[in-house]
Protein backbone atom coordinates (compact mmCIF):
# COMPACT_ATOMS: atom_id res chain seq x y z
CA MET A 1 -2.59 -3.68 -21.60
CA ARG A 2 -4.76 -2.76 -25.55
CA MET A 3 -7.94 -5.36 -26.62
CA THR A 4 -8.67 -5.51 -30.00
CA GLU A 5 -12.51 -5.50 -30.52
CA THR A 6 -12.55 -9.36 -31.43
CA GLU A 7 -11.27 -10.04 -27.99
CA LEU A 8 -13.01 -7.36 -25.96
CA ARG A 9 -15.85 -9.18 -27.80
CA GLU A 10 -14.46 -12.54 -26.77
CA TYR A 11 -14.36 -11.13 -23.26
CA VAL A 12 -17.66 -9.26 -22.46
CA ALA A 13 -19.78 -12.39 -24.00
CA LYS A 14 -18.10 -14.80 -21.59
CA ARG A 15 -18.30 -11.73 -18.19
CA VAL A 16 -21.56 -11.55 -19.10
CA LYS A 17 -22.77 -15.37 -19.59
CA GLU A 18 -21.05 -15.56 -15.75
CA ASN A 19 -22.48 -12.47 -14.47
CA VAL A 20 -26.28 -14.15 -15.93
CA ALA A 21 -25.23 -16.93 -14.25
CA LYS A 22 -24.33 -15.56 -10.92
CA ALA A 23 -27.49 -12.98 -10.81
CA ALA A 24 -29.64 -16.25 -11.97
CA LYS A 25 -28.32 -17.74 -8.32
CA GLY A 26 -28.68 -14.61 -6.33
CA ASP A 27 -24.89 -14.91 -6.14
CA GLY A 28 -22.19 -11.83 -5.01
CA ASN A 29 -24.00 -8.62 -3.87
CA GLY A 30 -26.59 -8.20 -6.54
CA PRO A 31 -30.05 -8.92 -6.43
CA ARG A 32 -31.18 -11.92 -7.18
CA LEU A 33 -33.29 -12.24 -10.87
CA PHE A 34 -36.17 -13.43 -9.10
CA ALA A 35 -36.06 -10.94 -6.43
CA PRO A 36 -38.88 -10.71 -3.29
CA LYS A 37 -41.39 -8.58 -3.62
CA LYS A 38 -40.92 -5.19 -3.73
CA SER A 39 -42.50 -2.01 -2.45
CA THR A 40 -45.16 -0.61 -4.73
CA THR A 41 -45.30 2.81 -3.52
CA ALA A 42 -44.01 5.85 -5.99
CA ASN A 43 -41.50 6.67 -3.90
CA LYS A 44 -39.30 2.96 -2.69
CA ARG A 45 -40.20 1.41 -6.38
CA ASP A 46 -36.71 0.89 -7.65
CA PRO A 47 -35.17 2.34 -11.56
CA GLU A 48 -35.24 -1.02 -13.09
CA SER A 49 -38.41 -2.35 -11.65
CA ILE A 50 -39.54 0.63 -13.41
CA THR A 51 -38.38 -0.63 -17.03
CA GLY A 52 -39.05 -4.09 -16.91
CA ALA A 53 -42.58 -3.38 -15.16
CA LEU A 54 -43.19 -0.93 -18.52
CA LEU A 55 -41.62 -3.65 -20.92
CA ARG A 56 -44.31 -6.21 -19.40
CA LEU A 57 -47.10 -3.79 -19.31
CA LYS A 58 -46.14 -2.49 -23.42
CA TYR A 59 -46.07 -6.23 -24.33
CA GLN A 60 -49.13 -7.52 -21.91
CA ALA A 61 -50.70 -4.44 -24.03
CA LYS A 62 -50.36 -5.09 -27.37
CA ASN A 63 -51.22 -8.92 -27.60
CA ALA A 64 -54.58 -7.70 -25.37
CA ASP A 65 -58.25 -8.37 -26.85
CA THR A 66 -58.06 -4.22 -26.51
CA ALA A 67 -59.71 -1.80 -29.38
CA ASN A 68 -56.90 0.72 -27.68
CA PRO A 69 -53.96 -0.61 -26.34
CA GLN A 70 -52.45 2.39 -24.66
CA ALA A 71 -55.83 2.46 -22.07
CA TRP A 72 -55.46 -1.00 -21.28
CA ALA A 73 -51.73 -1.01 -20.15
CA ARG A 74 -52.54 1.87 -17.97
CA GLU A 75 -55.63 0.97 -16.29
CA LYS A 76 -53.38 -2.74 -15.42
CA ALA A 77 -50.66 -0.19 -13.87
CA ILE A 78 -53.20 1.40 -12.13
CA GLU A 79 -54.47 -2.33 -11.01
CA VAL A 80 -50.85 -3.79 -10.77
CA TYR A 81 -48.82 -0.30 -8.93
CA GLY A 82 -51.36 1.73 -8.22
CA GLU A 83 -52.81 5.29 -9.45
CA ASN A 84 -50.16 7.54 -7.98
CA SER A 85 -47.15 4.98 -8.63
CA ARG A 86 -43.92 6.51 -11.20
CA VAL A 87 -44.53 3.53 -13.44
CA VAL A 88 -47.93 4.65 -14.03
CA LYS A 89 -46.73 8.15 -14.44
CA ASN A 90 -44.42 7.04 -17.58
CA MET A 91 -46.94 5.27 -18.49
CA THR A 92 -49.07 8.67 -19.17
CA ALA A 93 -46.17 10.27 -20.60
CA GLY A 94 -46.45 12.25 -23.58
CA ASP A 95 -44.47 10.31 -25.50
CA ALA A 96 -46.01 6.48 -23.92
CA ASN A 97 -47.70 5.67 -27.15
CA GLN A 98 -46.09 6.16 -29.81
CA GLY A 99 -42.90 3.60 -31.26
CA LYS A 100 -45.52 0.44 -30.03
CA GLU A 101 -44.55 -1.28 -27.07
CA MET A 102 -41.09 0.50 -26.96
CA VAL A 103 -40.76 2.02 -23.32
CA PRO A 104 -41.58 5.82 -23.54
CA THR A 105 -38.16 7.90 -23.39
CA ILE A 106 -38.88 10.06 -19.79
CA VAL A 107 -38.33 6.45 -18.41
CA SER A 108 -34.40 6.53 -20.32
CA GLU A 109 -33.38 8.60 -16.98
CA GLU A 110 -34.34 5.42 -14.72
CA ILE A 111 -32.70 3.08 -17.51
CA LEU A 112 -29.36 5.34 -17.04
CA GLU A 113 -30.18 5.28 -13.30
CA ALA A 114 -30.24 1.69 -12.88
CA LEU A 115 -26.83 1.24 -14.81
CA ALA A 116 -24.97 3.86 -12.86
CA ASN A 117 -25.68 1.87 -9.77
CA ARG A 118 -23.43 -1.35 -11.68
CA THR A 119 -20.42 0.50 -13.71
CA ILE A 120 -17.11 1.61 -11.94
CA MET A 121 -16.91 4.96 -14.06
CA ARG A 122 -20.11 6.36 -13.72
CA LYS A 123 -21.08 4.39 -10.25
CA ASN A 124 -17.60 6.67 -8.88
CA GLY A 125 -17.40 10.18 -9.96
CA ALA A 126 -17.56 10.61 -13.75
CA VAL A 127 -18.67 13.44 -14.99
CA VAL A 128 -21.90 12.30 -16.71
CA ILE A 129 -22.63 15.34 -19.79
CA ASP A 130 -25.26 15.71 -22.50
CA ASN A 131 -24.16 15.08 -25.70
CA PRO A 132 -27.33 15.49 -27.74
CA SER A 133 -26.06 16.36 -31.62
CA GLY A 134 -23.73 12.43 -31.08
CA SER A 135 -20.60 14.20 -31.15
CA MET A 136 -18.80 17.26 -29.43
CA THR A 137 -15.43 18.53 -29.20
CA ILE A 138 -14.20 20.29 -25.54
CA PRO A 139 -11.03 21.48 -23.99
CA LYS A 140 -8.73 19.21 -22.43
CA LEU A 141 -6.07 20.50 -20.03
CA THR A 142 -2.32 20.40 -21.66
CA SER A 143 -0.32 21.96 -18.60
CA VAL A 144 -1.03 24.28 -15.70
CA VAL A 145 -1.32 27.90 -15.33
CA GLN A 146 2.18 29.22 -13.59
CA GLY A 147 2.76 32.72 -11.79
CA THR A 148 5.13 34.65 -10.15
CA TRP A 149 5.73 36.81 -7.31
CA VAL A 150 5.94 40.30 -7.15
CA GLY A 151 6.71 43.66 -5.10
CA GLU A 152 4.67 45.80 -3.85
CA GLY A 153 5.00 48.52 -5.74
CA VAL A 154 6.76 47.20 -7.71
CA ALA A 155 6.17 46.68 -11.55
CA SER A 156 5.72 43.58 -12.34
CA THR A 157 7.23 41.75 -15.41
CA ASN A 158 5.09 38.48 -15.35
CA GLN A 159 4.13 37.97 -18.90
CA ALA A 160 0.42 36.36 -19.22
CA THR A 161 0.09 32.61 -19.23
CA SER A 162 -2.64 30.23 -19.57
CA PRO A 163 -2.67 26.32 -19.34
CA GLY A 164 -1.53 24.27 -22.20
CA THR A 165 -4.66 22.99 -24.08
CA ASP A 166 -5.29 20.44 -26.75
CA GLN A 167 -9.07 18.90 -27.44
CA VAL A 168 -10.90 15.52 -26.96
CA SER A 169 -13.79 14.58 -28.66
CA LEU A 170 -16.78 12.44 -27.66
CA THR A 171 -18.46 10.72 -30.25
CA ASP A 172 -21.34 8.70 -29.50
CA LYS A 173 -20.96 4.93 -30.07
CA LYS A 174 -24.17 2.90 -30.07
CA MET A 175 -23.92 0.54 -27.29
CA MET A 176 -26.43 -2.98 -28.49
CA ILE A 177 -27.75 -5.79 -25.41
CA THR A 178 -30.07 -8.20 -26.39
CA VAL A 179 -31.53 -10.72 -24.12
CA PRO A 180 -34.12 -13.24 -24.76
CA VAL A 181 -37.24 -13.68 -22.17
CA SER A 182 -39.36 -15.68 -21.20
CA LYS A 183 -43.07 -15.10 -22.29
CA ASP A 184 -44.21 -16.70 -19.47
CA LEU A 185 -42.56 -13.95 -17.67
CA LEU A 186 -44.24 -10.85 -19.48
CA ILE A 187 -47.44 -12.76 -19.43
CA SER A 188 -46.71 -13.32 -15.60
CA ALA A 189 -49.86 -11.37 -13.21
CA ALA A 190 -47.23 -11.36 -10.39
CA GLY A 191 -46.01 -7.56 -9.61
CA ASN A 192 -42.87 -8.08 -8.83
CA ILE A 193 -41.45 -10.19 -12.02
CA GLU A 194 -40.59 -6.94 -13.59
CA GLN A 195 -36.69 -6.96 -11.88
CA ALA A 196 -36.22 -10.17 -13.39
CA ILE A 197 -37.06 -9.25 -16.88
CA MET A 198 -34.62 -5.69 -16.60
CA ASN A 199 -31.74 -7.45 -14.77
CA ASN A 200 -30.19 -9.46 -16.76
CA VAL A 201 -30.19 -6.87 -19.72
CA LEU A 202 -28.72 -4.13 -17.21
CA THR A 203 -26.14 -6.94 -16.04
CA GLY A 204 -25.28 -6.63 -19.80
CA ALA A 205 -24.81 -3.50 -20.38
CA ALA A 206 -22.80 -2.60 -17.25
CA THR A 207 -20.64 -5.27 -18.82
CA THR A 208 -19.57 -4.53 -21.82
CA GLU A 209 -19.81 -0.67 -20.76
CA ASP A 210 -16.81 -1.13 -18.11
CA ALA A 211 -14.68 -3.20 -20.43
CA ALA A 212 -14.91 -0.91 -22.60
CA PHE A 213 -14.63 2.50 -20.76
CA LEU A 214 -11.04 1.27 -19.10
CA ARG A 215 -9.39 -0.65 -21.41
CA ALA A 216 -10.61 -0.83 -25.26
CA VAL A 217 -8.31 0.16 -27.51
CA GLY A 218 -10.93 1.96 -29.14
CA SER A 219 -12.33 1.99 -33.03
CA ALA A 220 -15.11 3.91 -35.00
CA THR A 221 -17.82 1.90 -33.15
CA ILE A 222 -16.20 1.09 -29.77
CA PRO A 223 -15.30 3.68 -27.15
CA THR A 224 -11.12 3.99 -26.16
CA GLY A 225 -10.50 2.79 -22.38
CA ILE A 226 -9.39 5.37 -19.77
CA PHE A 227 -5.97 2.99 -19.48
CA ASN A 228 -6.14 3.60 -23.43
CA GLN A 229 -5.72 8.02 -22.81
CA LEU A 230 -3.09 7.72 -19.98
CA ALA A 231 0.17 10.26 -20.82
CA ALA A 232 2.32 7.37 -21.18
CA ALA A 233 4.72 8.51 -18.77
CA ASN A 234 1.70 7.32 -16.68
CA VAL A 235 1.74 4.07 -17.41
CA SER A 236 4.95 1.94 -15.39
CA ALA A 237 5.76 -1.76 -14.51
CA SER A 238 4.80 -2.94 -11.22
CA ALA A 239 7.84 -3.16 -8.64
CA GLY A 240 6.62 -6.82 -7.43
CA THR A 241 4.64 -9.08 -4.55
CA THR A 242 6.09 -8.16 -2.01
CA SER A 243 4.86 -5.62 0.18
CA GLU A 244 6.87 -3.12 0.09
CA ASN A 245 6.88 -3.87 -3.41
CA ILE A 246 2.87 -3.19 -3.00
CA GLU A 247 3.32 0.03 -1.68
CA THR A 248 5.71 1.76 -3.83
CA ASP A 249 3.51 0.48 -6.56
CA LEU A 250 0.62 2.79 -5.19
CA GLY A 251 2.48 5.28 -3.95
CA GLN A 252 4.22 5.19 -7.36
CA LEU A 253 0.65 5.62 -8.99
CA LYS A 254 -0.81 8.85 -6.37
CA GLN A 255 2.63 10.74 -6.95
CA ALA A 256 1.70 10.76 -10.76
CA LEU A 257 -1.02 12.65 -10.36
CA LEU A 258 0.15 14.50 -7.50
CA GLY A 259 3.72 15.68 -8.93
CA ALA A 260 1.40 17.02 -12.28
CA ASN A 261 -0.67 18.95 -10.18
CA VAL A 262 -3.55 17.13 -10.29
CA ASN A 263 -6.20 18.07 -7.46
CA VAL A 264 -6.55 14.35 -5.44
CA THR A 265 -9.05 14.23 -2.70
CA GLU A 266 -10.57 11.45 -0.79
CA GLU A 267 -14.01 12.17 -2.30
CA GLY A 268 -12.98 12.33 -6.10
CA SER A 269 -9.55 10.07 -6.36
CA ILE A 270 -9.60 6.37 -6.39
CA TYR A 271 -7.48 2.73 -7.09
CA ILE A 272 -9.70 0.08 -9.01
CA LEU A 273 -7.66 -3.19 -9.55
CA SER A 274 -8.98 -6.95 -9.87
CA THR A 275 -11.14 -8.65 -8.09
CA ARG A 276 -7.98 -11.28 -7.96
CA GLU A 277 -5.63 -8.20 -6.19
CA ALA A 278 -7.85 -7.09 -4.01
CA GLU A 279 -8.28 -10.14 -2.14
CA ARG A 280 -4.44 -10.39 -2.05
CA LEU A 281 -4.59 -6.98 -0.26
CA GLU A 282 -7.23 -7.90 2.55
CA ARG A 283 -5.37 -10.25 3.54
CA LEU A 284 -1.90 -8.93 3.08
CA ARG A 285 0.18 -8.80 6.57
CA ASP A 286 2.86 -7.64 7.95
CA ASP A 287 5.68 -9.57 9.96
CA ASN A 288 3.47 -9.07 13.27
CA GLY A 289 0.62 -10.35 11.33
CA ASN A 290 -1.61 -7.10 11.65
CA LEU A 291 -3.33 -6.57 8.38
CA ILE A 292 -1.73 -4.04 5.99
CA PHE A 293 -4.34 -2.78 4.46
CA PRO A 294 -7.36 -3.41 7.12
CA GLU A 295 -9.99 -0.22 5.34
CA LEU A 296 -10.15 -2.34 2.31
CA LYS A 297 -12.52 -4.56 3.49
CA MET A 298 -14.04 -2.81 6.74
CA ASN A 299 -14.86 0.74 4.00
CA GLY A 300 -13.63 -0.36 0.45
CA LYS A 301 -10.88 1.77 0.32
CA ILE A 302 -6.60 1.62 -0.07
CA GLY A 303 -5.51 4.19 2.84
CA ARG A 304 -7.32 7.59 2.50
CA TYR A 305 -8.92 7.29 -1.33
CA LYS A 306 -11.66 4.91 -2.12
CA ALA A 307 -11.09 1.17 -4.24
CA ALA A 308 -13.50 -0.45 -6.68
CA THR A 309 -12.83 -3.75 -7.72
CA THR A 310 -13.78 -5.20 -11.05
CA ASN A 311 -13.94 -8.50 -13.07
CA ALA A 312 -13.16 -5.99 -16.13
CA ILE A 313 -9.98 -5.59 -15.65
CA PRO A 314 -8.15 -9.36 -16.42
CA THR A 315 -5.56 -11.07 -14.77
CA ASN A 316 -4.38 -13.45 -17.49
CA LEU A 317 -2.55 -10.65 -19.42
CA GLY A 318 0.71 -10.83 -20.09
CA GLY A 319 3.36 -13.28 -21.20
CA GLY A 320 2.57 -16.10 -19.02
CA SER A 321 -1.60 -15.87 -18.79
CA ASN A 322 -1.56 -14.19 -15.44
CA GLU A 323 -0.90 -10.62 -14.82
CA SER A 324 -3.38 -7.58 -14.50
CA GLU A 325 -3.37 -4.13 -14.11
CA VAL A 326 -4.47 -1.74 -11.21
CA ALA A 327 -5.34 2.38 -11.77
CA PHE A 328 -5.41 5.30 -9.70
CA LEU A 329 -7.98 7.54 -11.31
CA ASN A 330 -9.06 11.82 -11.10
CA MET A 331 -12.64 10.71 -11.33
CA PRO A 332 -13.90 14.28 -11.92
CA ASP A 333 -11.41 13.92 -14.84
CA VAL A 334 -13.66 11.59 -16.84
CA LEU A 335 -15.79 12.25 -18.99
CA ILE A 336 -19.47 10.29 -19.85
CA ALA A 337 -21.38 11.50 -23.18
CA ASP A 338 -23.88 10.26 -22.86
CA HIS A 339 -25.67 11.22 -26.83
CA GLY A 340 -30.28 10.92 -26.30
CA VAL A 341 -32.20 8.35 -24.67
CA ALA A 342 -31.57 5.00 -23.42
CA GLN A 343 -33.94 2.99 -25.50
CA ALA A 344 -35.45 -0.54 -24.30
CA GLU A 345 -37.88 -3.18 -26.46
CA VAL A 346 -40.14 -5.68 -26.39
CA LEU A 347 -39.59 -8.09 -29.77
CA GLU A 348 -41.30 -10.31 -30.27
CA ASN A 349 -40.80 -13.25 -33.80
CA VAL A 350 -37.19 -12.79 -34.27
CA THR A 351 -34.35 -14.14 -35.20
CA TYR A 352 -30.95 -13.58 -32.30
CA ARG A 353 -27.97 -15.51 -31.46
CA ASP A 354 -27.26 -17.08 -28.48
CA SER A 355 -24.10 -16.54 -26.24
CA GLY A 356 -23.07 -19.46 -27.82
CA GLY A 357 -22.86 -17.75 -31.80
CA THR A 358 -25.77 -20.18 -32.19
CA LEU A 359 -29.37 -18.39 -34.80
CA ARG A 360 -32.28 -18.97 -32.44
CA THR A 361 -35.73 -17.81 -33.30
CA THR A 362 -38.37 -17.08 -30.71
CA VAL A 363 -40.89 -18.68 -32.88
CA ASP A 364 -39.34 -22.07 -31.49
CA THR A 365 -38.41 -21.21 -28.16
CA ASP A 366 -41.80 -19.59 -26.91
CA GLU A 367 -39.29 -16.64 -25.98
CA ALA A 368 -39.40 -12.94 -26.98
CA VAL A 369 -36.73 -10.44 -26.58
CA VAL A 370 -35.66 -7.39 -24.54
CA ARG A 371 -33.02 -5.24 -26.66
CA MET A 372 -31.69 -1.51 -24.93
CA ILE A 373 -29.17 0.63 -27.07
CA LEU A 374 -27.66 3.00 -25.14
CA ARG A 375 -24.89 5.44 -27.10
CA THR A 376 -22.36 7.49 -25.54
CA ASP A 377 -18.55 7.58 -25.24
CA ILE A 378 -15.71 8.47 -22.28
CA ALA A 379 -12.65 10.64 -22.42
CA LEU A 380 -9.77 11.77 -20.14
CA GLN A 381 -9.97 15.29 -20.13
CA TYR A 382 -6.68 15.69 -18.23
CA ASP A 383 -3.83 12.91 -19.29
CA VAL A 384 -1.70 13.13 -16.59
CA ALA A 385 -5.12 12.46 -14.74
CA GLY A 386 -4.47 8.84 -13.95
CA ALA A 387 -1.54 6.58 -13.98
CA LEU A 388 -1.83 2.46 -14.15
CA LYS A 389 0.47 0.14 -12.93
CA THR A 390 0.77 -2.97 -15.77
CA GLY A 391 2.19 -7.01 -15.41
CA VAL A 392 0.82 -6.29 -11.44
CA THR A 393 0.93 -10.11 -9.81
CA TRP A 394 0.17 -9.77 -6.36
CA GLY A 395 -2.49 -11.86 -6.16
CA VAL A 396 -0.92 -14.90 -8.10
């Protein structure tokens, strides 16, 4: 169930490489690396395009033959995107000319919004809070309040009770994504290149965050994943691979929360499983040939509850290297604490390490490097607000 820091880094590097390759081909549901031109109106431009546009304009301004790079970038933004566009609004923000080619902090919201659309926890209802100091401690519920019944006019012998509490600490962990980008893209005059610039960055960020937020064992620099914050009683082995076994597993996951008086709801509770296990459920039929979980293919649910699939849950766990995990979480009890702002910048004439670990210099490759930094952490406020099945081989 646990991933060491070395295993996590190797896993993330592998997944980032796979997802970037898919994005370049336009595979899956994500945007194509070179997406069709999008509208440049203020209300329709998507967050990652805005961020990519700012990075590109600031890079061009820095290398333009002008005494006032900020004014040059603003005029270019008006020319390409329109005077009333959100790109121009961000370009003229109060801190827009600070940090050389650094994206203004106002666009941090755009980056986090784009990231939220790609990640399991942010997309499915985790509570995101600000952590301006970088460290905070909040109450953690360990039991519920108990009451008694009393008769009319009869003195109550009920003693005041309060929920059992503990504390959970959220301390910012720094995630850095570094992606080389061709200078040809950065200097292009086309108005639809900006999404290509940010797509790889956000793909890497989402893959890194999902892997850590779900399963990381945690350290001084990596968040402890939710699967490793669950009450021990809520972690159990899968019953097996038959349809009856699968229904038993799913029922026990849900019952673990209901039995602990967790407020399970159709809107807030969710199954999280690997793509392999989801594929198995989509094809599973009863003795009459009827699909057992038709709702999974139709509307992304298992029974009445939402289901999220991800490659961040491996399918090569256990002694046979073929096991996976399935979780059921009450998302309002999942807290994500973001510290400060997401930062993005373009760096020139630097050395970076590629996915194979080889050192490269942007001078030799005629590239620049887009770097994004996000400080965040995750915690489960109520340790019985989630349950996990291990040793899952439904899809084998």
